[in-house]
Amino acid sequence: MTGLQHHPTAVRRHPTASAPVQKSGAMPVATSPARPVAVQVRIGGRWIAGQELGRRTGVTGSDEVLVSHHGHLVWVDQQSVRGS
C-alpha cells in the first residue's frame, strides 16, 4: 500500500506574526447593572424589547448602552433606549 501524502497546496500554514495593535488611549470602561434591566430599543423606527447589560462612553463621547436581544449583543446610543 502506498503512503499517504498531502498535496503541497493543502498544507495549512499558521501566521508567524500579526500586525501591531494601534493604541489610542485608555479603553472605555463599561459599567454593569447588578441584574439585566428590561429596556426597549428603537431600531429602524420600531421599538424592540431587550435587556440592558452595561453602559459606557463611546469613542465619540456619546453615552452607549450594551443591549442583549435574543442573545445578540450590540452597543446602542443611549438616546435610542428607554425603560420598559
C-alpha atoms as a PDB file:
ATOM      1  CA  MET A   1       0.000   0.000   0.000  1.00  0.00           C
ATOM      2  CA  THR A   2       1.284   3.440  -0.840  1.00  0.00           C
ATOM      3  CA  GLY A   3       1.910   6.038   1.857  1.00  0.00           C
ATOM      4  CA  LEU A   4      -0.453   8.959   2.163  1.00  0.00           C
ATOM      5  CA  GLN A   5       0.943  12.276   1.060  1.00  0.00           C
ATOM      6  CA  HIS A   6      -0.543  15.741   1.400  1.00  0.00           C
ATOM      7  CA  HIS A   7      -0.897  17.899  -1.636  1.00  0.00           C
ATOM      8  CA  PRO A   8       1.529  20.869  -1.305  1.00  0.00           C
ATOM      9  CA  THR A   9      -1.295  23.418  -1.555  1.00  0.00           C
ATOM     10  CA  ALA A  10      -3.301  21.660   1.135  1.00  0.00           C
ATOM     11  CA  VAL A  11      -0.739  22.332   3.839  1.00  0.00           C
ATOM     12  CA  ARG A  12      -2.128  24.740   6.410  1.00  0.00           C
ATOM     13  CA  ARG A  13       0.304  27.462   7.382  1.00  0.00           C
ATOM     14  CA  HIS A  14      -0.047  29.444  10.579  1.00  0.00           C
ATOM     15  CA  PRO A  15       0.829  33.134  10.570  1.00  0.00           C
ATOM     16  CA  THR A  16       4.073  33.880  12.346  1.00  0.00           C
ATOM     17  CA  ALA A  17       3.192  37.394  13.452  1.00  0.00           C
ATOM     18  CA  SER A  18       0.210  39.685  13.464  1.00  0.00           C
ATOM     19  CA  ALA A  19       0.029  43.375  12.785  1.00  0.00           C
ATOM     20  CA  PRO A  20       0.634  45.589  15.819  1.00  0.00           C
ATOM     21  CA  VAL A  21      -2.468  46.924  17.524  1.00  0.00           C
ATOM     22  CA  GLN A  22      -2.892  50.687  17.423  1.00  0.00           C
ATOM     23  CA  LYS A  23      -3.380  52.075  20.923  1.00  0.00           C
ATOM     24  CA  SER A  24      -5.273  55.332  21.024  1.00  0.00           C
ATOM     25  CA  GLY A  25      -5.536  55.706  24.789  1.00  0.00           C
ATOM     26  CA  ALA A  26      -7.477  54.100  27.570  1.00  0.00           C
ATOM     27  CA  MET A  27     -10.309  51.757  26.690  1.00  0.00           C
ATOM     28  CA  PRO A  28     -13.754  52.971  27.725  1.00  0.00           C
ATOM     29  CA  VAL A  29     -14.917  51.227  30.863  1.00  0.00           C
ATOM     30  CA  ALA A  30     -18.389  49.740  30.800  1.00  0.00           C
ATOM     31  CA  THR A  31     -20.463  49.802  33.957  1.00  0.00           C
ATOM     32  CA  SER A  32     -22.832  46.953  34.591  1.00  0.00           C
ATOM     33  CA  PRO A  33     -26.126  46.861  36.498  1.00  0.00           C
ATOM     34  CA  ALA A  34     -26.438  44.224  39.218  1.00  0.00           C
ATOM     35  CA  ARG A  35     -29.054  42.457  37.079  1.00  0.00           C
ATOM     36  CA  PRO A  36     -30.067  42.873  33.461  1.00  0.00           C
ATOM     37  CA  VAL A  37     -32.640  45.663  33.123  1.00  0.00           C
ATOM     38  CA  ALA A  38     -35.580  45.303  30.727  1.00  0.00           C
ATOM     39  CA  VAL A  39     -35.455  48.060  28.098  1.00  0.00           C
ATOM     40  CA  GLN A  40     -36.808  48.877  24.685  1.00  0.00           C
ATOM     41  CA  VAL A  41     -34.517  49.876  21.809  1.00  0.00           C
ATOM     42  CA  ARG A  42     -35.538  51.975  18.817  1.00  0.00           C
ATOM     43  CA  ILE A  43     -34.233  50.339  15.641  1.00  0.00           C
ATOM     44  CA  GLY A  44     -35.471  51.277  12.200  1.00  0.00           C
ATOM     45  CA  GLY A  45     -38.455  53.212  13.575  1.00  0.00           C
ATOM     46  CA  ARG A  46     -39.653  50.312  15.760  1.00  0.00           C
ATOM     47  CA  TRP A  47     -39.201  49.653  19.484  1.00  0.00           C
ATOM     48  CA  ILE A  48     -37.943  46.138  20.271  1.00  0.00           C
ATOM     49  CA  ALA A  49     -37.520  44.506  23.671  1.00  0.00           C
ATOM     50  CA  GLY A  50     -34.091  43.801  25.099  1.00  0.00           C
ATOM     51  CA  GLN A  51     -32.014  43.785  28.263  1.00  0.00           C
ATOM     52  CA  GLU A  52     -29.510  46.419  29.330  1.00  0.00           C
ATOM     53  CA  LEU A  53     -26.254  44.776  30.369  1.00  0.00           C
ATOM     54  CA  GLY A  54     -23.901  47.741  30.679  1.00  0.00           C
ATOM     55  CA  ARG A  55     -23.094  51.369  29.869  1.00  0.00           C
ATOM     56  CA  ARG A  56     -20.036  53.190  28.553  1.00  0.00           C
ATOM     57  CA  THR A  57     -18.937  56.423  26.982  1.00  0.00           C
ATOM     58  CA  GLY A  58     -18.145  55.719  23.353  1.00  0.00           C
ATOM     59  CA  VAL A  59     -15.144  56.836  21.344  1.00  0.00           C
ATOM     60  CA  THR A  60     -17.050  59.877  20.064  1.00  0.00           C
ATOM     61  CA  GLY A  61     -18.030  60.882  23.598  1.00  0.00           C
ATOM     62  CA  SER A  62     -21.661  59.779  23.367  1.00  0.00           C
ATOM     63  CA  ASP A  63     -23.150  57.530  26.054  1.00  0.00           C
ATOM     64  CA  GLU A  64     -23.869  53.981  24.876  1.00  0.00           C
ATOM     65  CA  VAL A  65     -25.835  51.071  26.314  1.00  0.00           C
ATOM     66  CA  LEU A  66     -24.944  47.388  25.839  1.00  0.00           C
ATOM     67  CA  VAL A  67     -28.189  45.651  24.901  1.00  0.00           C
ATOM     68  CA  SER A  68     -28.937  41.957  24.536  1.00  0.00           C
ATOM     69  CA  HIS A  69     -31.764  40.856  22.232  1.00  0.00           C
ATOM     70  CA  HIS A  70     -32.238  37.096  21.853  1.00  0.00           C
ATOM     71  CA  GLY A  71     -28.542  36.516  22.563  1.00  0.00           C
ATOM     72  CA  HIS A  72     -27.273  39.227  20.201  1.00  0.00           C
ATOM     73  CA  LEU A  73     -25.169  41.915  21.887  1.00  0.00           C
ATOM     74  CA  VAL A  74     -24.921  45.421  20.498  1.00  0.00           C
ATOM     75  CA  TRP A  75     -23.807  48.837  21.733  1.00  0.00           C
ATOM     76  CA  VAL A  76     -26.621  51.349  21.123  1.00  0.00           C
ATOM     77  CA  ASP A  77     -26.696  55.129  21.563  1.00  0.00           C
ATOM     78  CA  GLN A  78     -28.380  55.915  24.892  1.00  0.00           C
ATOM     79  CA  GLN A  79     -30.924  58.167  23.156  1.00  0.00           C
ATOM     80  CA  SER A  80     -32.328  55.094  21.363  1.00  0.00           C
ATOM     81  CA  VAL A  81     -33.025  53.238  24.612  1.00  0.00           C
ATOM     82  CA  ARG A  82     -35.969  53.577  27.013  1.00  0.00           C
ATOM     83  CA  GLY A  83     -37.042  51.666  30.103  1.00  0.00           C
ATOM     84  CA  SER A  84     -39.897  49.255  29.667  1.00  0.00           C
END
